[in-house]
PDB file of N, CA and C in Angstrom:
ATOM      1  N   MET A   1       0.853  -1.039  -0.150  1.00  0.00           N
ATOM      2  CA  MET A   1       0.098   0.182   0.080  1.00  0.00           C
ATOM      3  C   MET A   1       0.988   0.994  -0.272  1.00  0.00           C
ATOM      4  N   PRO A   2       0.959   1.998  -0.868  1.00  0.00           N
ATOM      5  CA  PRO A   2       1.716   3.245  -1.348  1.00  0.00           C
ATOM      6  C   PRO A   2       1.096   4.198  -0.059  1.00  0.00           C
ATOM      7  N   ILE A   3       1.897   5.366   0.542  1.00  0.00           N
ATOM      8  CA  ILE A   3       1.297   6.121   1.071  1.00  0.00           C
ATOM      9  C   ILE A   3       1.707   7.476   0.337  1.00  0.00           C
ATOM     10  N   PRO A   4       1.637   8.790   0.850  1.00  0.00           N
ATOM     11  CA  PRO A   4       2.497   9.812   0.459  1.00  0.00           C
ATOM     12  C   PRO A   4       3.485  10.114   1.069  1.00  0.00           C
ATOM     13  N   ARG A   5       4.699  10.571   0.369  1.00  0.00           N
ATOM     14  CA  ARG A   5       5.698  10.667   0.761  1.00  0.00           C
ATOM     15  C   ARG A   5       5.558  11.772   2.158  1.00  0.00           C
ATOM     16  N   VAL A   6       6.111  11.416   3.427  1.00  0.00           N
ATOM     17  CA  VAL A   6       6.411  12.248   4.389  1.00  0.00           C
ATOM     18  C   VAL A   6       7.998  12.485   4.659  1.00  0.00           C
ATOM     19  N   HIS A   7       8.104  13.806   5.225  1.00  0.00           N
ATOM     20  CA  HIS A   7       9.030  14.686   5.988  1.00  0.00           C
ATOM     21  C   HIS A   7       8.820  15.379   6.946  1.00  0.00           C
ATOM     22  N   TYR A   8       9.318  14.556   8.137  1.00  0.00           N
ATOM     23  CA  TYR A   8       9.151  15.522   9.080  1.00  0.00           C
ATOM     24  C   TYR A   8      10.540  16.018   9.735  1.00  0.00           C
ATOM     25  N   ARG A   9      10.541  17.312   9.822  1.00  0.00           N
ATOM     26  CA  ARG A   9      11.969  18.124  10.384  1.00  0.00           C
ATOM     27  C   ARG A   9      11.357  18.521  12.222  1.00  0.00           C
ATOM     28  N   VAL A  10      12.447  18.388  12.978  1.00  0.00           N
ATOM     29  CA  VAL A  10      12.194  19.655  13.982  1.00  0.00           C
ATOM     30  C   VAL A  10      13.409  19.683  14.431  1.00  0.00           C
ATOM     31  N   VAL A  11      13.406  20.961  14.816  1.00  0.00           N
ATOM     32  CA  VAL A  11      14.904  22.174  15.105  1.00  0.00           C
ATOM     33  C   VAL A  11      14.440  22.223  16.234  1.00  0.00           C
ATOM     34  N   GLY A  12      15.132  22.544  17.176  1.00  0.00           N
ATOM     35  CA  GLY A  12      15.485  23.158  18.243  1.00  0.00           C
ATOM     36  C   GLY A  12      16.640  24.250  19.004  1.00  0.00           C
ATOM     37  N   GLN A  13      16.627  24.177  20.128  1.00  0.00           N
ATOM     38  CA  GLN A  13      17.272  24.663  21.184  1.00  0.00           C
ATOM     39  C   GLN A  13      18.599  23.617  21.134  1.00  0.00           C
ATOM     40  N   ASP A  14      20.060  24.161  21.278  1.00  0.00           N
ATOM     41  CA  ASP A  14      21.454  23.826  21.735  1.00  0.00           C
ATOM     42  C   ASP A  14      21.539  22.570  19.938  1.00  0.00           C
ATOM     43  N   ASP A  15      21.347  23.334  18.920  1.00  0.00           N
ATOM     44  CA  ASP A  15      21.454  22.326  17.731  1.00  0.00           C
ATOM     45  C   ASP A  15      20.978  21.199  17.580  1.00  0.00           C
ATOM     46  N   TYR A  16      19.832  21.203  18.242  1.00  0.00           N
ATOM     47  CA  TYR A  16      19.222  19.792  18.612  1.00  0.00           C
ATOM     48  C   TYR A  16      18.224  19.542  16.958  1.00  0.00           C
ATOM     49  N   MET A  17      18.325  18.504  16.414  1.00  0.00           N
ATOM     50  CA  MET A  17      17.348  18.061  15.085  1.00  0.00           C
ATOM     51  C   MET A  17      17.187  16.824  14.925  1.00  0.00           C
ATOM     52  N   LEU A  18      16.152  16.294  14.273  1.00  0.00           N
ATOM     53  CA  LEU A  18      15.519  15.304  14.413  1.00  0.00           C
ATOM     54  C   LEU A  18      14.691  15.094  12.803  1.00  0.00           C
ATOM     55  N   GLU A  19      15.221  14.264  11.844  1.00  0.00           N
ATOM     56  CA  GLU A  19      14.596  14.632  10.541  1.00  0.00           C
ATOM     57  C   GLU A  19      14.243  13.490  10.284  1.00  0.00           C
ATOM     58  N   ILE A  20      12.582  13.098   9.634  1.00  0.00           N
ATOM     59  CA  ILE A  20      12.245  11.439   9.314  1.00  0.00           C
ATOM     60  C   ILE A  20      11.931  11.731   7.993  1.00  0.00           C
ATOM     61  N   THR A  21      12.422  10.993   7.331  1.00  0.00           N
ATOM     62  CA  THR A  21      12.436  10.865   5.635  1.00  0.00           C
ATOM     63  C   THR A  21      11.222   9.588   5.572  1.00  0.00           C
ATOM     64  N   LEU A  22      10.046   9.455   5.168  1.00  0.00           N
ATOM     65  CA  LEU A  22       9.402   8.370   4.474  1.00  0.00           C
ATOM     66  C   LEU A  22       8.788   8.422   3.556  1.00  0.00           C
ATOM     67  N   GLU A  23       9.391   7.489   2.545  1.00  0.00           N
ATOM     68  CA  GLU A  23       8.927   7.035   1.159  1.00  0.00           C
ATOM     69  C   GLU A  23       7.819   6.290   0.911  1.00  0.00           C
ATOM     70  N   SER A  24       6.730   6.765  -0.117  1.00  0.00           N
ATOM     71  CA  SER A  24       5.831   5.848  -0.471  1.00  0.00           C
ATOM     72  C   SER A  24       5.641   4.564  -0.350  1.00  0.00           C
ATOM     73  N   ASP A  25       6.695   4.184  -0.239  1.00  0.00           N
ATOM     74  CA  ASP A  25       6.920   2.333  -0.131  1.00  0.00           C
ATOM     75  C   ASP A  25       7.220   2.284   1.103  1.00  0.00           C
ATOM     76  N   GLY A  26       7.294   2.723   2.273  1.00  0.00           N
ATOM     77  CA  GLY A  26       7.873   2.703   3.752  1.00  0.00           C
ATOM     78  C   GLY A  26       9.121   2.252   3.618  1.00  0.00           C
ATOM     79  N   ALA A  27      10.146   2.629   2.986  1.00  0.00           N
ATOM     80  CA  ALA A  27      11.213   2.808   3.618  1.00  0.00           C
ATOM     81  C   ALA A  27      11.630   4.319   4.153  1.00  0.00           C
ATOM     82  N   TYR A  28      12.224   4.097   5.321  1.00  0.00           N
ATOM     83  CA  TYR A  28      12.478   5.289   5.867  1.00  0.00           C
ATOM     84  C   TYR A  28      13.879   5.878   6.612  1.00  0.00           C
ATOM     85  N   ARG A  29      14.087   6.791   6.758  1.00  0.00           N
ATOM     86  CA  ARG A  29      15.822   7.302   7.086  1.00  0.00           C
ATOM     87  C   ARG A  29      15.236   8.342   8.411  1.00  0.00           C
ATOM     88  N   ILE A  30      15.992   8.332   9.569  1.00  0.00           N
ATOM     89  CA  ILE A  30      16.099   8.801  10.333  1.00  0.00           C
ATOM     90  C   ILE A  30      17.772   9.442  10.693  1.00  0.00           C
ATOM     91  N   ASP A  31      17.592  11.165  10.854  1.00  0.00           N
ATOM     92  CA  ASP A  31      18.681  11.586  11.195  1.00  0.00           C
ATOM     93  C   ASP A  31      18.377  12.069  12.085  1.00  0.00           C
ATOM     94  N   CYS A  32      19.300  11.985  13.371  1.00  0.00           N
ATOM     95  CA  CYS A  32      19.144  13.124  14.455  1.00  0.00           C
ATOM     96  C   CYS A  32      20.367  13.272  15.475  1.00  0.00           C
ATOM     97  N   GLY A  33      20.367  15.258  15.630  1.00  0.00           N
ATOM     98  CA  GLY A  33      21.479  15.174  16.134  1.00  0.00           C
ATOM     99  C   GLY A  33      22.213  15.742  14.664  1.00  0.00           C
ATOM    100  N   ASP A  34      23.501  15.664  14.834  1.00  0.00           N
ATOM    101  CA  ASP A  34      24.898  15.280  14.266  1.00  0.00           C
ATOM    102  C   ASP A  34      25.283  14.252  13.478  1.00  0.00           C
ATOM    103  N   HIS A  35      25.869  14.124  12.174  1.00  0.00           N
ATOM    104  CA  HIS A  35      26.206  13.126  11.735  1.00  0.00           C
ATOM    105  C   HIS A  35      27.383  12.267  12.238  1.00  0.00           C
ATOM    106  N   THR A  36      28.074  12.946  13.182  1.00  0.00           N
ATOM    107  CA  THR A  36      29.194  12.642  13.840  1.00  0.00           C
ATOM    108  C   THR A  36      29.406  11.611  15.137  1.00  0.00           C
ATOM    109  N   SER A  37      27.883  12.183  15.704  1.00  0.00           N
ATOM    110  CA  SER A  37      27.659  11.174  17.043  1.00  0.00           C
ATOM    111  C   SER A  37      26.441  10.445  16.476  1.00  0.00           C
ATOM    112  N   HIS A  38      25.546  10.725  15.901  1.00  0.00           N
ATOM    113  CA  HIS A  38      24.245   9.870  15.313  1.00  0.00           C
ATOM    114  C   HIS A  38      24.714   9.439  14.014  1.00  0.00           C
ATOM    115  N   THR A  39      24.746   8.315  13.382  1.00  0.00           N
ATOM    116  CA  THR A  39      24.782   7.907  11.956  1.00  0.00           C
ATOM    117  C   THR A  39      22.728   7.882  11.862  1.00  0.00           C
ATOM    118  N   PRO A  40      23.261   8.189  10.433  1.00  0.00           N
ATOM    119  CA  PRO A  40      21.354   8.259  10.135  1.00  0.00           C
ATOM    120  C   PRO A  40      21.015   6.483  10.238  1.00  0.00           C
ATOM    121  N   ARG A  41      19.622   6.092  10.757  1.00  0.00           N
ATOM    122  CA  ARG A  41      19.152   4.948  10.832  1.00  0.00           C
ATOM    123  C   ARG A  41      18.323   4.664   9.557  1.00  0.00           C
ATOM    124  N   ARG A  42      17.902   3.770   8.997  1.00  0.00           N
ATOM    125  CA  ARG A  42      17.116   3.511   7.798  1.00  0.00           C
ATOM    126  C   ARG A  42      16.848   1.882   7.906  1.00  0.00           C
ATOM    127  N   GLY A  43      15.356   1.681   7.238  1.00  0.00           N
ATOM    128  CA  GLY A  43      14.376   0.516   7.318  1.00  0.00           C
ATOM    129  C   GLY A  43      13.600   0.773   6.747  1.00  0.00           C
ATOM    130  N   MET A  44      12.571  -0.246   7.247  1.00  0.00           N
ATOM    131  CA  MET A  44      11.543  -0.376   6.305  1.00  0.00           C
ATOM    132  C   MET A  44      10.362  -0.881   6.997  1.00  0.00           C
ATOM    133  N   LEU A  45       9.113  -0.252   6.719  1.00  0.00           N
ATOM    134  CA  LEU A  45       8.046  -0.219   7.894  1.00  0.00           C
ATOM    135  C   LEU A  45       6.950  -1.427   7.097  1.00  0.00           C
ATOM    136  N   ALA A  46       6.437  -2.065   8.204  1.00  0.00           N
ATOM    137  CA  ALA A  46       5.971  -3.165   7.712  1.00  0.00           C
ATOM    138  C   ALA A  46       4.177  -2.815   7.136  1.00  0.00           C
ATOM    139  N   PRO A  47       3.724  -3.402   6.637  1.00  0.00           N
ATOM    140  CA  PRO A  47       2.284  -3.198   5.969  1.00  0.00           C
ATOM    141  C   PRO A  47       1.407  -2.998   6.890  1.00  0.00           C
ATOM    142  N   GLU A  48       1.355  -2.901   8.051  1.00  0.00           N
ATOM    143  CA  GLU A  48       0.554  -2.594   9.060  1.00  0.00           C
ATOM    144  C   GLU A  48       0.602  -1.106   9.484  1.00  0.00           C
ATOM    145  N   GLN A  49       2.615  -0.812   9.354  1.00  0.00           N
ATOM    146  CA  GLN A  49       2.730   0.486  10.267  1.00  0.00           C
ATOM    147  C   GLN A  49       2.327   1.322   9.291  1.00  0.00           C
ATOM    148  N   LEU A  50       2.391   0.978   7.877  1.00  0.00           N
ATOM    149  CA  LEU A  50       2.096   1.685   6.745  1.00  0.00           C
ATOM    150  C   LEU A  50       0.159   2.175   6.974  1.00  0.00           C
ATOM    151  N   ALA A  51      -0.454   1.124   6.870  1.00  0.00           N
ATOM    152  CA  ALA A  51      -1.884   1.021   6.834  1.00  0.00           C
ATOM    153  C   ALA A  51      -2.462   2.071   8.481  1.00  0.00           C
ATOM    154  N   ALA A  52      -1.215   2.023   9.095  1.00  0.00           N
ATOM    155  CA  ALA A  52      -1.814   3.265  10.470  1.00  0.00           C
ATOM    156  C   ALA A  52      -1.374   4.517  10.113  1.00  0.00           C
ATOM    157  N   LEU A  53       0.026   4.417   9.680  1.00  0.00           N
ATOM    158  CA  LEU A  53       0.219   6.044   8.990  1.00  0.00           C
ATOM    159  C   LEU A  53      -0.548   6.674   7.951  1.00  0.00           C
ATOM    160  N   ASP A  54      -1.290   5.845   7.144  1.00  0.00           N
ATOM    161  CA  ASP A  54      -1.983   5.998   5.588  1.00  0.00           C
ATOM    162  C   ASP A  54      -3.217   6.649   6.313  1.00  0.00           C
ATOM    163  N   SER A  55      -3.638   6.034   7.792  1.00  0.00           N
ATOM    164  CA  SER A  55      -4.959   6.350   8.260  1.00  0.00           C
ATOM    165  C   SER A  55      -4.904   7.519   8.744  1.00  0.00           C
ATOM    166  N   LEU A  56      -3.982   7.787   9.740  1.00  0.00           N
ATOM    167  CA  LEU A  56      -3.512   9.417  10.298  1.00  0.00           C
ATOM    168  C   LEU A  56      -3.500  10.449   9.366  1.00  0.00           C
ATOM    169  N   ILE A  57      -2.541  10.213   7.977  1.00  0.00           N
ATOM    170  CA  ILE A  57      -2.530  11.137   7.297  1.00  0.00           C
ATOM    171  C   ILE A  57      -4.016  11.526   6.386  1.00  0.00           C
ATOM    172  N   SER A  58      -4.774  10.843   6.132  1.00  0.00           N
ATOM    173  CA  SER A  58      -5.944  10.654   5.712  1.00  0.00           C
ATOM    174  C   SER A  58      -6.710  11.833   6.437  1.00  0.00           C
ATOM    175  N   ALA A  59      -6.417  12.080   7.781  1.00  0.00           N
ATOM    176  CA  ALA A  59      -7.517  12.276   9.119  1.00  0.00           C
ATOM    177  C   ALA A  59      -6.739  13.945   9.227  1.00  0.00           C
ATOM    178  N   LEU A  60      -5.641  13.983   8.413  1.00  0.00           N
ATOM    179  CA  LEU A  60      -5.218  15.397   8.630  1.00  0.00           C
ATOM    180  C   LEU A  60      -6.048  16.698   7.847  1.00  0.00           C
ATOM    181  N   GLY A  61      -6.381  17.968   8.281  1.00  0.00           N
ATOM    182  CA  GLY A  61      -7.137  18.999   8.247  1.00  0.00           C
ATOM    183  C   GLY A  61      -6.329  19.872   6.694  1.00  0.00           C
ATOM    184  N   ALA A  62      -6.594  20.839   6.640  1.00  0.00           N
ATOM    185  CA  ALA A  62      -5.986  21.895   5.888  1.00  0.00           C
ATOM    186  C   ALA A  62      -4.804  22.358   6.393  1.00  0.00           C
ATOM    187  N   PRO A  63      -3.367  22.389   5.466  1.00  0.00           N
ATOM    188  CA  PRO A  63      -1.862  22.893   5.733  1.00  0.00           C
ATOM    189  C   PRO A  63      -2.337  23.909   6.687  1.00  0.00           C
ATOM    190  N   ARG A  64      -1.442  24.061   7.452  1.00  0.00           N
ATOM    191  CA  ARG A  64      -1.515  25.914   8.400  1.00  0.00           C
ATOM    192  C   ARG A  64      -0.599  25.788   9.320  1.00  0.00           C
ATOM    193  N   GLU A  65      -0.026  26.852   9.958  1.00  0.00           N
ATOM    194  CA  GLU A  65       0.902  26.976  10.709  1.00  0.00           C
ATOM    195  C   GLU A  65       0.414  27.229  11.948  1.00  0.00           C
ATOM    196  N   HIS A  66       1.068  26.792  12.949  1.00  0.00           N
ATOM    197  CA  HIS A  66       0.811  26.998  14.595  1.00  0.00           C
ATOM    198  C   HIS A  66       2.314  27.225  15.450  1.00  0.00           C
ATOM    199  N   LEU A  67       2.526  28.666  14.875  1.00  0.00           N
ATOM    200  CA  LEU A  67       4.117  28.876  15.109  1.00  0.00           C
ATOM    201  C   LEU A  67       3.919  29.669  16.947  1.00  0.00           C
ATOM    202  N   ALA A  68       5.123  29.668  17.432  1.00  0.00           N
ATOM    203  CA  ALA A  68       5.520  30.097  18.991  1.00  0.00           C
ATOM    204  C   ALA A  68       5.115  31.547  18.831  1.00  0.00           C
ATOM    205  N   PRO A  69       4.622  31.861  20.245  1.00  0.00           N
ATOM    206  CA  PRO A  69       4.465  33.133  20.328  1.00  0.00           C
ATOM    207  C   PRO A  69       5.678  33.909  20.480  1.00  0.00           C
ATOM    208  N   ALA A  70       5.592  35.703  20.525  1.00  0.00           N
ATOM    209  CA  ALA A  70       6.911  36.383  20.547  1.00  0.00           C
ATOM    210  C   ALA A  70       7.577  35.635  21.460  1.00  0.00           C
ATOM    211  N   GLY A  71       8.932  35.777  21.483  1.00  0.00           N
ATOM    212  CA  GLY A  71       9.865  35.677  22.986  1.00  0.00           C
ATOM    213  C   GLY A  71       9.508  34.006  23.168  1.00  0.00           C
ATOM    214  N   ALA A  72       8.850  33.249  22.535  1.00  0.00           N
ATOM    215  CA  ALA A  72       9.074  31.389  23.143  1.00  0.00           C
ATOM    216  C   ALA A  72      10.087  30.886  23.075  1.00  0.00           C
ATOM    217  N   THR A  73      10.345  29.697  23.849  1.00  0.00           N
ATOM    218  CA  THR A  73      11.260  29.087  23.265  1.00  0.00           C
ATOM    219  C   THR A  73      10.936  27.626  23.072  1.00  0.00           C
ATOM    220  N   GLY A  74      11.864  26.922  22.334  1.00  0.00           N
ATOM    221  CA  GLY A  74      11.155  25.550  22.388  1.00  0.00           C
ATOM    222  C   GLY A  74      11.458  24.812  20.858  1.00  0.00           C
ATOM    223  N   PHE A  75      10.690  23.929  20.229  1.00  0.00           N
ATOM    224  CA  PHE A  75      10.994  23.382  19.059  1.00  0.00           C
ATOM    225  C   PHE A  75      10.150  23.584  18.006  1.00  0.00           C
ATOM    226  N   LEU A  76      10.629  23.655  17.031  1.00  0.00           N
ATOM    227  CA  LEU A  76       9.514  23.499  15.851  1.00  0.00           C
ATOM    228  C   LEU A  76       9.352  22.710  14.944  1.00  0.00           C
ATOM    229  N   ALA A  77       8.385  22.143  14.694  1.00  0.00           N
ATOM    230  CA  ALA A  77       8.370  20.932  13.649  1.00  0.00           C
ATOM    231  C   ALA A  77       7.434  21.862  12.381  1.00  0.00           C
ATOM    232  N   GLU A  78       7.744  20.430  11.552  1.00  0.00           N
ATOM    233  CA  GLU A  78       7.164  20.938  10.037  1.00  0.00           C
ATOM    234  C   GLU A  78       7.672  19.694   9.438  1.00  0.00           C
ATOM    235  N   LEU A  79       6.385  19.527   8.995  1.00  0.00           N
ATOM    236  CA  LEU A  79       5.197  18.244   8.995  1.00  0.00           C
ATOM    237  C   LEU A  79       5.083  18.516   6.773  1.00  0.00           C
ATOM    238  N   THR A  80       5.716  17.660   5.947  1.00  0.00           N
ATOM    239  CA  THR A  80       5.401  17.934   4.951  1.00  0.00           C
ATOM    240  C   THR A  80       5.019  16.813   4.010  1.00  0.00           C
ATOM    241  N   ILE A  81       3.591  16.398   3.360  1.00  0.00           N
ATOM    242  CA  ILE A  81       3.417  15.239   2.894  1.00  0.00           C
ATOM    243  C   ILE A  81       3.136  15.578   1.732  1.00  0.00           C
ATOM    244  N   GLY A  82       3.362  14.834   0.787  1.00  0.00           N
ATOM    245  CA  GLY A  82       3.334  14.729  -0.863  1.00  0.00           C
ATOM    246  C   GLY A  82       4.826  15.130  -0.994  1.00  0.00           C
ATOM    247  N   GLU A  83       4.984  15.249  -2.571  1.00  0.00           N
ATOM    248  CA  GLU A  83       5.728  15.646  -3.267  1.00  0.00           C
ATOM    249  C   GLU A  83       5.204  16.101  -4.162  1.00  0.00           C
ATOM    250  N   GLN A  84       6.564  17.491  -4.529  1.00  0.00           N
ATOM    251  CA  GLN A  84       6.502  18.709  -5.330  1.00  0.00           C
ATOM    252  C   GLN A  84       5.482  18.274  -6.815  1.00  0.00           C
ATOM    253  N   PRO A  85       4.766  18.970  -7.954  1.00  0.00           N
ATOM    254  CA  PRO A  85       4.071  20.193  -6.688  1.00  0.00           C
ATOM    255  C   PRO A  85       3.125  20.098  -5.955  1.00  0.00           C
ATOM    256  N   VAL A  86       2.420  18.894  -5.634  1.00  0.00           N
ATOM    257  CA  VAL A  86       1.210  18.644  -4.366  1.00  0.00           C
ATOM    258  C   VAL A  86       1.722  18.428  -3.340  1.00  0.00           C
ATOM    259  N   THR A  87       2.047  19.610  -2.125  1.00  0.00           N
ATOM    260  CA  THR A  87       2.486  19.064  -0.757  1.00  0.00           C
ATOM    261  C   THR A  87       1.421  20.291  -0.114  1.00  0.00           C
ATOM    262  N   ARG A  88       1.682  19.370   1.249  1.00  0.00           N
ATOM    263  CA  ARG A  88       0.667  19.942   2.239  1.00  0.00           C
ATOM    264  C   ARG A  88       1.809  20.206   3.256  1.00  0.00           C
ATOM    265  N   VAL A  89       1.755  21.225   3.794  1.00  0.00           N
ATOM    266  CA  VAL A  89       2.957  21.966   4.586  1.00  0.00           C
ATOM    267  C   VAL A  89       2.611  22.168   5.846  1.00  0.00           C
ATOM    268  N   PHE A  90       2.874  21.541   7.444  1.00  0.00           N
ATOM    269  CA  PHE A  90       2.317  22.087   8.355  1.00  0.00           C
ATOM    270  C   PHE A  90       3.177  22.431   9.377  1.00  0.00           C
ATOM    271  N   LYS A  91       3.214  23.463  10.224  1.00  0.00           N
ATOM    272  CA  LYS A  91       4.613  23.769  10.929  1.00  0.00           C
ATOM    273  C   LYS A  91       4.037  24.088  12.323  1.00  0.00           C
ATOM    274  N   VAL A  92       4.355  23.756  13.336  1.00  0.00           N
ATOM    275  CA  VAL A  92       3.774  23.788  14.800  1.00  0.00           C
ATOM    276  C   VAL A  92       4.827  23.684  15.427  1.00  0.00           C
ATOM    277  N   TRP A  93       4.522  24.688  16.959  1.00  0.00           N
ATOM    278  CA  TRP A  93       5.619  24.957  17.860  1.00  0.00           C
ATOM    279  C   TRP A  93       5.515  23.860  18.894  1.00  0.00           C
ATOM    280  N   GLU A  94       6.190  23.421  19.586  1.00  0.00           N
ATOM    281  CA  GLU A  94       6.089  22.130  20.493  1.00  0.00           C
ATOM    282  C   GLU A  94       5.271  22.812  21.654  1.00  0.00           C
ATOM    283  N   GLY A  95       4.967  23.425  21.813  1.00  0.00           N
ATOM    284  CA  GLY A  95       3.755  23.972  22.832  1.00  0.00           C
ATOM    285  C   GLY A  95       2.123  24.396  22.501  1.00  0.00           C
ATOM    286  N   ALA A  96       2.587  24.112  21.444  1.00  0.00           N
ATOM    287  CA  ALA A  96       0.827  24.010  20.659  1.00  0.00           C
ATOM    288  C   ALA A  96       0.454  22.963  20.185  1.00  0.00           C
ATOM    289  N   ILE A  97       0.985  21.930  20.248  1.00  0.00           N
ATOM    290  CA  ILE A  97       1.099  20.387  19.422  1.00  0.00           C
ATOM    291  C   ILE A  97      -0.424  20.010  20.253  1.00  0.00           C
ATOM    292  N   GLN A  98      -0.508  20.241  21.204  1.00  0.00           N
ATOM    293  CA  GLN A  98      -1.991  19.348  22.002  1.00  0.00           C
ATOM    294  C   GLN A  98      -3.240  20.090  21.428  1.00  0.00           C
ATOM    295  N   ASP A  99      -2.931  21.258  20.833  1.00  0.00           N
ATOM    296  CA  ASP A  99      -3.643  22.078  20.450  1.00  0.00           C
ATOM    297  C   ASP A  99      -4.009  21.837  18.700  1.00  0.00           C
ATOM    298  N   GLU A 100      -3.321  21.086  18.430  1.00  0.00           N
ATOM    299  CA  GLU A 100      -3.682  20.544  17.060  1.00  0.00           C
ATOM    300  C   GLU A 100      -3.904  18.470  16.944  1.00  0.00           C
ATOM    301  N   PRO A 101      -5.171  18.651  17.523  1.00  0.00           N
ATOM    302  CA  PRO A 101      -5.526  16.847  17.471  1.00  0.00           C
ATOM    303  C   PRO A 101      -5.344  16.238  16.179  1.00  0.00           C
ATOM    304  N   ASP A 102      -5.508  16.533  14.952  1.00  0.00           N
ATOM    305  CA  ASP A 102      -5.264  15.692  14.098  1.00  0.00           C
ATOM    306  C   ASP A 102      -3.658  15.732  13.390  1.00  0.00           C
ATOM    307  N   LEU A 103      -2.614  16.523  13.929  1.00  0.00           N
ATOM    308  CA  LEU A 103      -1.239  16.408  13.735  1.00  0.00           C
ATOM    309  C   LEU A 103      -0.725  15.582  14.918  1.00  0.00           C
ATOM    310  N   MET A 104      -1.165  15.697  15.960  1.00  0.00           N
ATOM    311  CA  MET A 104      -0.745  15.321  16.989  1.00  0.00           C
ATOM    312  C   MET A 104      -0.557  13.726  17.181  1.00  0.00           C
ATOM    313  N   PRO A 105      -1.417  12.903  16.693  1.00  0.00           N
ATOM    314  CA  PRO A 105      -0.979  10.893  16.412  1.00  0.00           C
ATOM    315  C   PRO A 105      -0.221  11.079  15.365  1.00  0.00           C
ATOM    316  N   LEU A 106      -0.759  11.819  14.559  1.00  0.00           N
ATOM    317  CA  LEU A 106       0.434  11.348  13.349  1.00  0.00           C
ATOM    318  C   LEU A 106       2.018  11.641  13.707  1.00  0.00           C
ATOM    319  N   ILE A 107       2.014  12.762  13.911  1.00  0.00           N
ATOM    320  CA  ILE A 107       4.097  13.420  14.684  1.00  0.00           C
ATOM    321  C   ILE A 107       3.985  12.333  15.623  1.00  0.00           C
ATOM    322  N   ARG A 108       3.463  12.032  16.601  1.00  0.00           N
ATOM    323  CA  ARG A 108       3.920  11.029  17.851  1.00  0.00           C
ATOM    324  C   ARG A 108       4.360   9.214  17.166  1.00  0.00           C
ATOM    325  N   ALA A 109       3.252   9.014  16.141  1.00  0.00           N
ATOM    326  CA  ALA A 109       3.165   7.821  15.333  1.00  0.00           C
ATOM    327  C   ALA A 109       4.944   8.196  14.912  1.00  0.00           C
ATOM    328  N   LEU A 110       5.347   9.175  13.965  1.00  0.00           N
ATOM    329  CA  LEU A 110       6.452   9.075  13.377  1.00  0.00           C
ATOM    330  C   LEU A 110       7.445   8.964  14.422  1.00  0.00           C
ATOM    331  N   GLU A 111       7.730  10.012  15.530  1.00  0.00           N
ATOM    332  CA  GLU A 111       8.651   9.932  16.441  1.00  0.00           C
ATOM    333  C   GLU A 111       9.190   8.429  16.790  1.00  0.00           C
ATOM    334  N   VAL A 112       8.317   7.464  16.874  1.00  0.00           N
ATOM    335  CA  VAL A 112       8.569   6.492  17.490  1.00  0.00           C
ATOM    336  C   VAL A 112       8.953   5.182  16.625  1.00  0.00           C
ATOM    337  N   ILE A 113       8.910   5.241  15.101  1.00  0.00           N
ATOM    338  CA  ILE A 113       9.562   4.428  14.096  1.00  0.00           C
ATOM    339  C   ILE A 113      10.922   4.309  14.511  1.00  0.00           C
TER     340      ILE A 113
END
């Protein structure tokens, strides 16, 4: 079961970075931190995992931004679904993730791959 391509990127304080790329066939690559201390991890999702992610992707609302208020600190997540020229981009500050009920389950599912 092919799903739309997913690219999830989180940047934060102290040079923190998490980047997850999930191809439509279930192949994934996870980059965390810097490449000198954490080599990228690769793998292939099981069909059940793909089906669960496809369901969460299908439940997403319209693309949007929910950015941090002025002066706030924390992580910013950017989720891109699909490929050019047809993509949906969601940006959300970590302090607002609980206010995004359709995004939160997909982000949490990606973070535990």
